Amino acid sequence: MNIGIKSLLILLLLLIVGCSNQSGTGQNFEQILTKASVKYSRLLHVLEVPDGKIIFYELVKDAESSVGAAHLKKGLGGLKYTYSGGYINDIPQKLYSNFLKEISLVYGEIKDENITEVLAQDERNQYTAEIVPTTNTKRLWYIYPIKKEVTSLTVKGYNKSILLAEEKLDLEKQSSAGTFLNNK
């Protein structure tokens, strides 16, 4: 291979690497969310998914805080914002659920310190939620992926085998809206 072609290939490789680093491969989630006009106060958790990452973040409005989620998709130039959703919850509940159909994610916030496990059941499957501490009194829970053909879920919060909260989600009507889990 002649020196001119080698030099051109090296130059192209350096250019590609340089552009990639400037557009999100450095994993600067704050810059990506800010550029996408996502209002958040802090990042809570990063979930690796096959096509990128799901970033859970805290929303704050009028001294109330809640959880939102954003999907960042892998691309040639790095991670790109594709979708986010969230809620502000000013009603005290034991547990809150949100379904983002676009990214097959069910997630929420545990506000009752007695809840130690969150399970969801659809027509055929049972899912166990991952629980992530976010503050001394609140915890994030999520189930990913939820099959897109699922039309309803029953979400339950437990302490050991004692049911503390339960709610049925109609995923066809609540494509990106949440529902409260009521006290049992």
N, C-alpha and C. Protein backbone atom coordinates (compact mmCIF):
# COMPACT_ATOMS: atom_id res chain seq x y z
N MET A 1 0.86 -1.17 0.00
CA MET A 1 0.00 0.00 0.00
C MET A 1 0.90 1.23 0.00
N ASN A 2 0.58 2.18 -0.81
CA ASN A 2 1.47 3.34 -0.89
C ASN A 2 1.25 4.29 0.29
N ILE A 3 2.21 5.13 0.56
CA ILE A 3 2.23 6.00 1.73
C ILE A 3 1.06 6.99 1.70
N GLY A 4 0.66 7.47 0.56
CA GLY A 4 -0.45 8.42 0.45
C GLY A 4 -1.77 7.81 0.93
N ILE A 5 -2.03 6.58 0.54
CA ILE A 5 -3.27 5.91 0.94
C ILE A 5 -3.24 5.63 2.44
N LYS A 6 -2.09 5.17 2.97
CA LYS A 6 -1.96 4.92 4.41
C LYS A 6 -2.19 6.20 5.19
N SER A 7 -1.61 7.28 4.74
CA SER A 7 -1.77 8.57 5.42
C SER A 7 -3.23 9.00 5.41
N LEU A 8 -3.90 8.83 4.28
CA LEU A 8 -5.31 9.19 4.17
C LEU A 8 -6.16 8.35 5.12
N LEU A 9 -5.91 7.05 5.19
CA LEU A 9 -6.65 6.18 6.10
C LEU A 9 -6.44 6.56 7.55
N ILE A 10 -5.20 6.87 7.92
CA ILE A 10 -4.91 7.29 9.30
C ILE A 10 -5.61 8.60 9.61
N LEU A 11 -5.59 9.54 8.68
CA LEU A 11 -6.26 10.82 8.87
C LEU A 11 -7.76 10.63 9.04
N LEU A 12 -8.37 9.79 8.22
CA LEU A 12 -9.81 9.51 8.34
C LEU A 12 -10.13 8.86 9.67
N LEU A 13 -9.31 7.92 10.10
CA LEU A 13 -9.52 7.25 11.38
C LEU A 13 -9.45 8.26 12.53
N LEU A 14 -8.46 9.13 12.51
CA LEU A 14 -8.35 10.15 13.55
C LEU A 14 -9.53 11.11 13.53
N LEU A 15 -9.99 11.46 12.37
CA LEU A 15 -11.15 12.35 12.23
C LEU A 15 -12.40 11.69 12.81
N ILE A 16 -12.62 10.42 12.49
CA ILE A 16 -13.79 9.69 13.00
C ILE A 16 -13.73 9.59 14.52
N VAL A 17 -12.58 9.22 15.06
CA VAL A 17 -12.43 9.11 16.52
C VAL A 17 -12.64 10.47 17.17
N GLY A 18 -12.10 11.52 16.62
CA GLY A 18 -12.26 12.86 17.19
C GLY A 18 -13.71 13.30 17.19
N CYS A 19 -14.42 13.08 16.11
CA CYS A 19 -15.84 13.45 16.04
C CYS A 19 -16.66 12.63 17.02
N SER A 20 -16.37 11.36 17.14
CA SER A 20 -17.11 10.50 18.06
C SER A 20 -16.95 10.98 19.49
N ASN A 21 -15.75 11.35 19.89
CA ASN A 21 -15.53 11.80 21.26
C ASN A 21 -16.26 13.09 21.56
N GLN A 22 -16.46 13.93 20.58
CA GLN A 22 -17.14 15.20 20.81
C GLN A 22 -18.65 15.05 20.84
N SER A 23 -19.19 13.93 20.40
CA SER A 23 -20.65 13.84 20.30
C SER A 23 -21.28 12.83 21.24
N GLY A 24 -20.61 12.46 22.33
CA GLY A 24 -21.32 11.68 23.33
C GLY A 24 -20.66 10.39 23.75
N THR A 25 -19.62 9.92 23.08
CA THR A 25 -19.02 8.67 23.51
C THR A 25 -18.25 8.84 24.81
N GLY A 26 -18.00 10.04 25.22
CA GLY A 26 -17.36 10.30 26.50
C GLY A 26 -18.33 10.07 27.66
N GLN A 27 -19.53 9.64 27.38
CA GLN A 27 -20.54 9.30 28.38
C GLN A 27 -20.94 10.50 29.24
N ASN A 28 -20.96 11.71 28.69
CA ASN A 28 -21.38 12.87 29.44
C ASN A 28 -22.90 12.99 29.33
N PHE A 29 -23.57 12.24 30.20
CA PHE A 29 -25.03 12.18 30.15
C PHE A 29 -25.66 13.53 30.45
N GLU A 30 -25.06 14.30 31.35
CA GLU A 30 -25.61 15.61 31.69
C GLU A 30 -25.70 16.51 30.46
N GLN A 31 -24.64 16.54 29.65
CA GLN A 31 -24.65 17.38 28.45
C GLN A 31 -25.71 16.90 27.46
N ILE A 32 -25.84 15.60 27.29
CA ILE A 32 -26.82 15.06 26.35
C ILE A 32 -28.24 15.42 26.79
N LEU A 33 -28.55 15.25 28.08
CA LEU A 33 -29.89 15.56 28.59
C LEU A 33 -30.17 17.06 28.53
N THR A 34 -29.19 17.88 28.88
CA THR A 34 -29.37 19.33 28.82
C THR A 34 -29.63 19.79 27.39
N LYS A 35 -28.86 19.26 26.45
CA LYS A 35 -29.05 19.61 25.03
C LYS A 35 -30.44 19.22 24.54
N ALA A 36 -31.00 18.12 25.10
CA ALA A 36 -32.34 17.66 24.71
C ALA A 36 -33.44 18.36 25.50
N SER A 37 -33.09 19.35 26.32
CA SER A 37 -34.04 20.12 27.14
C SER A 37 -34.77 19.26 28.17
N VAL A 38 -34.12 18.23 28.68
CA VAL A 38 -34.69 17.41 29.75
C VAL A 38 -34.42 18.14 31.06
N LYS A 39 -35.48 18.42 31.81
CA LYS A 39 -35.35 19.11 33.09
C LYS A 39 -35.09 18.07 34.18
N TYR A 40 -33.96 18.16 34.83
CA TYR A 40 -33.62 17.22 35.89
C TYR A 40 -32.75 17.92 36.92
N SER A 41 -32.71 17.36 38.12
CA SER A 41 -31.85 17.94 39.15
C SER A 41 -30.62 17.08 39.41
N ARG A 42 -30.74 15.75 39.24
CA ARG A 42 -29.56 14.89 39.38
C ARG A 42 -29.82 13.55 38.72
N LEU A 43 -28.75 12.90 38.33
CA LEU A 43 -28.84 11.56 37.74
C LEU A 43 -28.87 10.54 38.87
N LEU A 44 -29.74 9.52 38.72
CA LEU A 44 -29.91 8.52 39.77
C LEU A 44 -29.28 7.17 39.43
N HIS A 45 -29.41 6.75 38.17
CA HIS A 45 -28.96 5.40 37.82
C HIS A 45 -28.81 5.30 36.30
N VAL A 46 -27.84 4.52 35.86
CA VAL A 46 -27.63 4.27 34.43
C VAL A 46 -27.83 2.78 34.19
N LEU A 47 -28.73 2.45 33.28
CA LEU A 47 -29.02 1.07 32.92
C LEU A 47 -28.50 0.81 31.51
N GLU A 48 -27.62 -0.16 31.38
CA GLU A 48 -27.12 -0.57 30.06
C GLU A 48 -28.21 -1.40 29.38
N VAL A 49 -28.56 -1.05 28.16
CA VAL A 49 -29.52 -1.81 27.36
C VAL A 49 -28.87 -2.12 26.02
N PRO A 50 -29.38 -3.10 25.27
CA PRO A 50 -28.71 -3.50 24.03
C PRO A 50 -28.44 -2.38 23.04
N ASP A 51 -29.35 -1.41 22.94
CA ASP A 51 -29.16 -0.35 21.94
C ASP A 51 -28.63 0.95 22.53
N GLY A 52 -28.23 0.95 23.79
CA GLY A 52 -27.69 2.17 24.39
C GLY A 52 -27.78 2.16 25.90
N LYS A 53 -28.39 3.21 26.45
CA LYS A 53 -28.51 3.35 27.89
C LYS A 53 -29.86 3.99 28.24
N ILE A 54 -30.36 3.63 29.41
CA ILE A 54 -31.51 4.32 29.98
C ILE A 54 -30.98 5.04 31.21
N ILE A 55 -31.22 6.34 31.25
CA ILE A 55 -30.76 7.18 32.35
C ILE A 55 -31.97 7.53 33.21
N PHE A 56 -31.93 7.17 34.48
CA PHE A 56 -32.96 7.57 35.43
C PHE A 56 -32.47 8.85 36.11
N TYR A 57 -33.38 9.81 36.25
CA TYR A 57 -32.99 11.10 36.81
C TYR A 57 -34.08 11.59 37.74
N GLU A 58 -33.71 12.52 38.60
CA GLU A 58 -34.66 13.11 39.53
C GLU A 58 -35.18 14.42 38.95
N LEU A 59 -36.49 14.60 39.04
CA LEU A 59 -37.15 15.85 38.65
C LEU A 59 -37.49 16.60 39.94
N VAL A 60 -37.33 17.89 39.94
CA VAL A 60 -37.72 18.68 41.11
C VAL A 60 -38.57 19.84 40.64
N LYS A 61 -39.74 19.99 41.29
CA LYS A 61 -40.63 21.11 40.97
C LYS A 61 -41.33 21.51 42.26
N ASP A 62 -41.21 22.76 42.63
CA ASP A 62 -41.86 23.28 43.83
C ASP A 62 -41.60 22.41 45.05
N ALA A 63 -40.37 22.04 45.28
CA ALA A 63 -39.91 21.25 46.43
C ALA A 63 -40.37 19.80 46.40
N GLU A 64 -41.06 19.37 45.36
CA GLU A 64 -41.45 17.97 45.21
C GLU A 64 -40.49 17.32 44.22
N SER A 65 -40.10 16.08 44.50
CA SER A 65 -39.21 15.40 43.57
C SER A 65 -39.80 14.07 43.13
N SER A 66 -39.48 13.68 41.92
CA SER A 66 -39.95 12.43 41.35
C SER A 66 -38.90 11.92 40.38
N VAL A 67 -39.20 10.81 39.73
CA VAL A 67 -38.22 10.14 38.88
C VAL A 67 -38.67 10.19 37.42
N GLY A 68 -37.71 10.42 36.52
CA GLY A 68 -37.94 10.35 35.09
C GLY A 68 -36.91 9.41 34.48
N ALA A 69 -37.12 9.06 33.21
CA ALA A 69 -36.18 8.18 32.51
C ALA A 69 -35.99 8.69 31.09
N ALA A 70 -34.76 8.57 30.60
CA ALA A 70 -34.44 8.97 29.22
C ALA A 70 -33.70 7.83 28.55
N HIS A 71 -33.98 7.66 27.26
CA HIS A 71 -33.30 6.63 26.47
C HIS A 71 -32.25 7.32 25.61
N LEU A 72 -31.01 6.83 25.69
CA LEU A 72 -29.92 7.31 24.85
C LEU A 72 -29.50 6.15 23.96
N LYS A 73 -29.61 6.34 22.65
CA LYS A 73 -29.34 5.27 21.70
C LYS A 73 -27.93 5.39 21.13
N LYS A 74 -27.27 4.23 20.99
CA LYS A 74 -25.94 4.19 20.38
C LYS A 74 -26.06 4.54 18.91
N GLY A 75 -25.11 5.33 18.44
CA GLY A 75 -25.05 5.67 17.03
C GLY A 75 -23.61 5.80 16.60
N LEU A 76 -23.39 6.10 15.35
CA LEU A 76 -22.02 6.24 14.85
C LEU A 76 -21.27 7.34 15.57
N GLY A 77 -21.94 8.40 15.94
CA GLY A 77 -21.29 9.52 16.61
C GLY A 77 -21.36 9.45 18.12
N GLY A 78 -21.79 8.34 18.68
CA GLY A 78 -21.90 8.22 20.14
C GLY A 78 -23.35 8.09 20.55
N LEU A 79 -23.64 8.40 21.80
CA LEU A 79 -24.99 8.29 22.33
C LEU A 79 -25.83 9.49 21.90
N LYS A 80 -27.07 9.22 21.51
CA LYS A 80 -28.00 10.27 21.09
C LYS A 80 -29.29 10.12 21.88
N TYR A 81 -29.84 11.23 22.34
CA TYR A 81 -31.12 11.25 23.04
C TYR A 81 -32.23 10.84 22.08
N THR A 82 -33.11 9.92 22.53
CA THR A 82 -34.24 9.54 21.68
C THR A 82 -35.59 9.80 22.34
N TYR A 83 -35.69 9.59 23.66
CA TYR A 83 -36.99 9.69 24.30
C TYR A 83 -36.81 9.84 25.80
N SER A 84 -37.74 10.56 26.44
CA SER A 84 -37.76 10.61 27.91
C SER A 84 -39.19 10.80 28.38
N GLY A 85 -39.42 10.46 29.61
CA GLY A 85 -40.72 10.64 30.23
C GLY A 85 -40.53 10.70 31.73
N GLY A 86 -41.47 11.31 32.40
CA GLY A 86 -41.36 11.40 33.84
C GLY A 86 -42.63 11.97 34.42
N TYR A 87 -42.60 12.21 35.69
CA TYR A 87 -43.78 12.71 36.37
C TYR A 87 -43.36 13.50 37.58
N ILE A 88 -44.24 14.34 38.04
CA ILE A 88 -44.08 15.00 39.33
C ILE A 88 -45.21 14.49 40.20
N ASN A 89 -44.86 13.91 41.32
CA ASN A 89 -45.83 13.26 42.19
C ASN A 89 -45.90 14.02 43.50
N ASP A 90 -47.00 14.72 43.73
CA ASP A 90 -47.14 15.44 44.99
C ASP A 90 -48.14 14.78 45.93
N ILE A 91 -48.62 13.59 45.57
CA ILE A 91 -49.55 12.85 46.41
C ILE A 91 -48.78 11.75 47.12
N PRO A 92 -48.79 11.72 48.45
CA PRO A 92 -48.03 10.67 49.14
C PRO A 92 -48.63 9.29 48.88
N GLN A 93 -47.87 8.41 48.32
CA GLN A 93 -48.28 7.04 48.05
C GLN A 93 -47.13 6.13 48.45
N LYS A 94 -47.43 4.85 48.60
CA LYS A 94 -46.38 3.89 48.94
C LYS A 94 -45.47 3.63 47.75
N LEU A 95 -46.05 3.59 46.56
CA LEU A 95 -45.31 3.16 45.38
C LEU A 95 -45.92 3.83 44.17
N TYR A 96 -45.12 4.18 43.19
CA TYR A 96 -45.61 4.80 41.97
C TYR A 96 -45.05 4.07 40.77
N SER A 97 -45.85 3.93 39.71
CA SER A 97 -45.42 3.21 38.50
C SER A 97 -45.56 4.10 37.29
N ASN A 98 -44.69 3.91 36.32
CA ASN A 98 -44.76 4.62 35.05
C ASN A 98 -44.35 3.64 33.96
N PHE A 99 -45.03 3.67 32.82
CA PHE A 99 -44.72 2.78 31.70
C PHE A 99 -44.35 3.62 30.50
N LEU A 100 -43.17 3.35 29.94
CA LEU A 100 -42.75 4.03 28.72
C LEU A 100 -42.72 3.00 27.60
N LYS A 101 -43.80 2.95 26.84
CA LYS A 101 -43.95 1.95 25.78
C LYS A 101 -42.83 2.06 24.74
N GLU A 102 -42.41 3.28 24.46
CA GLU A 102 -41.40 3.50 23.43
C GLU A 102 -40.11 2.74 23.71
N ILE A 103 -39.81 2.52 24.99
CA ILE A 103 -38.58 1.81 25.34
C ILE A 103 -38.84 0.58 26.20
N SER A 104 -40.08 0.11 26.24
CA SER A 104 -40.46 -1.13 26.95
C SER A 104 -40.00 -1.13 28.40
N LEU A 105 -40.24 -0.05 29.09
CA LEU A 105 -39.76 0.12 30.46
C LEU A 105 -40.91 0.43 31.40
N VAL A 106 -40.97 -0.29 32.51
CA VAL A 106 -41.86 0.05 33.61
C VAL A 106 -40.96 0.42 34.78
N TYR A 107 -41.22 1.57 35.39
CA TYR A 107 -40.37 2.00 36.50
C TYR A 107 -41.18 2.85 37.46
N GLY A 108 -40.61 3.13 38.58
CA GLY A 108 -41.28 3.99 39.53
C GLY A 108 -40.44 4.23 40.76
N GLU A 109 -41.11 4.70 41.77
CA GLU A 109 -40.46 5.13 42.99
C GLU A 109 -41.13 4.42 44.16
N ILE A 110 -40.33 3.91 45.08
CA ILE A 110 -40.84 3.30 46.30
C ILE A 110 -40.71 4.35 47.40
N LYS A 111 -41.84 4.70 47.99
CA LYS A 111 -41.82 5.71 49.04
C LYS A 111 -42.08 5.11 50.42
N ASP A 112 -42.48 3.85 50.47
CA ASP A 112 -42.72 3.16 51.74
C ASP A 112 -41.48 2.33 52.06
N GLU A 113 -40.81 2.67 53.15
CA GLU A 113 -39.58 1.96 53.50
C GLU A 113 -39.81 0.49 53.81
N ASN A 114 -41.06 0.09 54.05
CA ASN A 114 -41.36 -1.31 54.35
C ASN A 114 -41.40 -2.19 53.10
N ILE A 115 -41.56 -1.59 51.92
CA ILE A 115 -41.58 -2.37 50.68
C ILE A 115 -40.15 -2.76 50.33
N THR A 116 -39.93 -4.08 50.22
CA THR A 116 -38.59 -4.59 49.93
C THR A 116 -38.53 -5.31 48.59
N GLU A 117 -39.69 -5.54 47.97
CA GLU A 117 -39.72 -6.26 46.70
C GLU A 117 -40.89 -5.75 45.86
N VAL A 118 -40.65 -5.60 44.56
CA VAL A 118 -41.70 -5.20 43.62
C VAL A 118 -41.77 -6.27 42.54
N LEU A 119 -42.97 -6.81 42.34
CA LEU A 119 -43.22 -7.83 41.32
C LEU A 119 -44.30 -7.33 40.38
N ALA A 120 -44.23 -7.74 39.13
CA ALA A 120 -45.28 -7.41 38.15
C ALA A 120 -45.67 -8.69 37.44
N GLN A 121 -46.94 -8.81 37.13
CA GLN A 121 -47.47 -10.00 36.47
C GLN A 121 -48.28 -9.55 35.26
N ASP A 122 -47.99 -10.15 34.09
CA ASP A 122 -48.85 -9.91 32.93
C ASP A 122 -49.68 -11.17 32.71
N GLU A 123 -50.25 -11.31 31.51
CA GLU A 123 -51.12 -12.45 31.24
C GLU A 123 -50.38 -13.79 31.33
N ARG A 124 -49.06 -13.78 31.09
CA ARG A 124 -48.29 -15.04 31.05
C ARG A 124 -47.05 -15.06 31.92
N ASN A 125 -46.49 -13.92 32.24
CA ASN A 125 -45.17 -13.87 32.88
C ASN A 125 -45.19 -13.08 34.18
N GLN A 126 -44.24 -13.42 35.05
CA GLN A 126 -44.01 -12.62 36.24
C GLN A 126 -42.62 -12.00 36.13
N TYR A 127 -42.51 -10.73 36.50
CA TYR A 127 -41.26 -9.99 36.43
C TYR A 127 -40.88 -9.54 37.84
N THR A 128 -39.60 -9.60 38.14
CA THR A 128 -39.08 -9.07 39.41
C THR A 128 -38.34 -7.78 39.11
N ALA A 129 -38.70 -6.74 39.80
CA ALA A 129 -38.08 -5.43 39.58
C ALA A 129 -36.71 -5.35 40.22
N GLU A 130 -35.84 -4.60 39.58
CA GLU A 130 -34.57 -4.20 40.19
C GLU A 130 -34.87 -3.00 41.08
N ILE A 131 -34.28 -2.96 42.26
CA ILE A 131 -34.48 -1.84 43.18
C ILE A 131 -33.14 -1.16 43.42
N VAL A 132 -33.14 0.18 43.26
CA VAL A 132 -31.92 0.97 43.39
C VAL A 132 -32.16 2.07 44.44
N PRO A 133 -31.34 2.13 45.50
CA PRO A 133 -31.50 3.22 46.47
C PRO A 133 -31.15 4.57 45.82
N THR A 134 -31.95 5.60 46.11
CA THR A 134 -31.65 6.94 45.58
C THR A 134 -31.44 7.95 46.70
N THR A 135 -32.17 7.82 47.79
CA THR A 135 -31.99 8.66 48.98
C THR A 135 -32.26 7.78 50.19
N ASN A 136 -32.23 8.37 51.36
CA ASN A 136 -32.50 7.60 52.58
C ASN A 136 -33.93 7.09 52.63
N THR A 137 -34.87 7.81 52.03
CA THR A 137 -36.28 7.44 52.15
C THR A 137 -36.91 6.94 50.86
N LYS A 138 -36.28 7.15 49.72
CA LYS A 138 -36.87 6.75 48.44
C LYS A 138 -35.96 5.78 47.71
N ARG A 139 -36.60 4.92 46.92
CA ARG A 139 -35.85 4.00 46.07
C ARG A 139 -36.50 3.95 44.70
N LEU A 140 -35.68 3.75 43.70
CA LEU A 140 -36.11 3.58 42.32
C LEU A 140 -36.31 2.09 42.07
N TRP A 141 -37.36 1.73 41.31
CA TRP A 141 -37.51 0.35 40.86
C TRP A 141 -37.79 0.37 39.37
N TYR A 142 -37.35 -0.69 38.67
CA TYR A 142 -37.62 -0.77 37.24
C TYR A 142 -37.66 -2.22 36.79
N ILE A 143 -38.39 -2.42 35.69
CA ILE A 143 -38.42 -3.70 35.00
C ILE A 143 -38.16 -3.41 33.53
N TYR A 144 -37.11 -4.01 33.01
CA TYR A 144 -36.76 -3.82 31.60
C TYR A 144 -36.23 -5.14 31.07
N PRO A 145 -36.62 -5.59 29.91
CA PRO A 145 -37.69 -5.04 29.08
C PRO A 145 -39.04 -5.66 29.45
N ILE A 146 -40.07 -4.94 29.14
CA ILE A 146 -41.44 -5.46 29.18
C ILE A 146 -41.82 -5.69 27.74
N LYS A 147 -42.35 -6.86 27.43
CA LYS A 147 -42.71 -7.17 26.05
C LYS A 147 -43.75 -6.17 25.54
N LYS A 148 -43.53 -5.67 24.33
CA LYS A 148 -44.42 -4.63 23.78
C LYS A 148 -45.84 -5.13 23.55
N GLU A 149 -46.02 -6.45 23.42
CA GLU A 149 -47.37 -6.97 23.21
C GLU A 149 -48.17 -7.10 24.50
N VAL A 150 -47.55 -6.88 25.65
CA VAL A 150 -48.25 -6.95 26.93
C VAL A 150 -49.24 -5.79 26.99
N THR A 151 -50.48 -6.09 27.37
CA THR A 151 -51.51 -5.06 27.42
C THR A 151 -51.85 -4.61 28.84
N SER A 152 -51.52 -5.43 29.83
CA SER A 152 -51.78 -5.03 31.21
C SER A 152 -50.77 -5.69 32.14
N LEU A 153 -50.54 -5.04 33.25
CA LEU A 153 -49.64 -5.54 34.29
C LEU A 153 -50.29 -5.29 35.64
N THR A 154 -50.11 -6.22 36.54
CA THR A 154 -50.45 -5.99 37.93
C THR A 154 -49.14 -5.83 38.67
N VAL A 155 -48.93 -4.67 39.27
CA VAL A 155 -47.69 -4.36 39.98
C VAL A 155 -47.98 -4.42 41.47
N LYS A 156 -47.11 -5.14 42.21
CA LYS A 156 -47.32 -5.33 43.64
C LYS A 156 -46.05 -5.04 44.41
N GLY A 157 -46.22 -4.39 45.57
CA GLY A 157 -45.11 -4.12 46.47
C GLY A 157 -45.24 -4.99 47.71
N TYR A 158 -44.16 -5.67 48.07
CA TYR A 158 -44.17 -6.62 49.19
C TYR A 158 -43.11 -6.29 50.22
N ASN A 159 -43.35 -6.77 51.43
CA ASN A 159 -42.33 -6.91 52.46
C ASN A 159 -42.38 -8.36 52.86
N LYS A 160 -41.30 -9.08 52.53
CA LYS A 160 -41.26 -10.53 52.65
C LYS A 160 -42.42 -11.07 51.84
N SER A 161 -43.37 -11.76 52.43
CA SER A 161 -44.49 -12.28 51.64
C SER A 161 -45.77 -11.48 51.88
N ILE A 162 -45.67 -10.35 52.56
CA ILE A 162 -46.84 -9.54 52.89
C ILE A 162 -47.06 -8.48 51.81
N LEU A 163 -48.24 -8.51 51.19
CA LEU A 163 -48.59 -7.55 50.15
C LEU A 163 -48.92 -6.20 50.80
N LEU A 164 -48.20 -5.15 50.40
CA LEU A 164 -48.42 -3.81 50.95
C LEU A 164 -49.08 -2.85 49.97
N ALA A 165 -48.90 -3.07 48.67
CA ALA A 165 -49.46 -2.16 47.67
C ALA A 165 -49.69 -2.93 46.38
N GLU A 166 -50.74 -2.53 45.63
CA GLU A 166 -51.06 -3.22 44.38
C GLU A 166 -51.83 -2.28 43.45
N GLU A 167 -51.54 -2.40 42.15
CA GLU A 167 -52.29 -1.63 41.15
C GLU A 167 -52.21 -2.34 39.81
N LYS A 168 -53.30 -2.29 39.07
CA LYS A 168 -53.31 -2.85 37.72
C LYS A 168 -53.06 -1.72 36.73
N LEU A 169 -52.10 -1.92 35.83
CA LEU A 169 -51.78 -0.95 34.80
C LEU A 169 -52.38 -1.40 33.48
N ASP A 170 -53.17 -0.56 32.84
CA ASP A 170 -53.66 -0.82 31.50
C ASP A 170 -52.66 -0.16 30.55
N LEU A 171 -51.76 -0.95 29.99
CA LEU A 171 -50.65 -0.40 29.22
C LEU A 171 -51.09 0.15 27.87
N GLU A 172 -52.25 -0.24 27.39
CA GLU A 172 -52.75 0.33 26.14
C GLU A 172 -53.23 1.76 26.34
N LYS A 173 -53.80 2.05 27.49
CA LYS A 173 -54.30 3.39 27.78
C LYS A 173 -53.25 4.27 28.43
N GLN A 174 -52.28 3.67 29.09
CA GLN A 174 -51.28 4.41 29.84
C GLN A 174 -49.92 4.25 29.20
N SER A 175 -49.82 4.57 27.92
CA SER A 175 -48.57 4.31 27.20
C SER A 175 -47.39 5.07 27.77
N SER A 176 -47.62 6.21 28.36
CA SER A 176 -46.51 6.88 29.04
C SER A 176 -47.00 7.59 30.29
N ALA A 177 -48.11 7.14 30.82
CA ALA A 177 -48.64 7.75 32.03
C ALA A 177 -48.46 6.79 33.19
N GLY A 178 -48.42 7.33 34.37
CA GLY A 178 -48.20 6.51 35.55
C GLY A 178 -49.50 6.20 36.26
N THR A 179 -49.38 5.37 37.25
CA THR A 179 -50.51 5.05 38.11
C THR A 179 -49.99 4.84 39.52
N PHE A 180 -50.80 5.12 40.50
CA PHE A 180 -50.41 4.92 41.88
C PHE A 180 -50.72 3.51 42.32
N LEU A 181 -49.86 2.96 43.15
CA LEU A 181 -50.16 1.69 43.79
C LEU A 181 -50.83 2.01 45.11
N ASN A 182 -52.04 1.53 45.26
CA ASN A 182 -52.82 1.85 46.45
C ASN A 182 -52.44 0.95 47.62
N ASN A 183 -52.67 1.48 48.80
CA ASN A 183 -52.42 0.70 50.01
C ASN A 183 -53.39 -0.47 50.05
N LYS A 184 -52.91 -1.60 50.55
CA LYS A 184 -53.78 -2.77 50.70
C LYS A 184 -54.34 -2.81 52.09
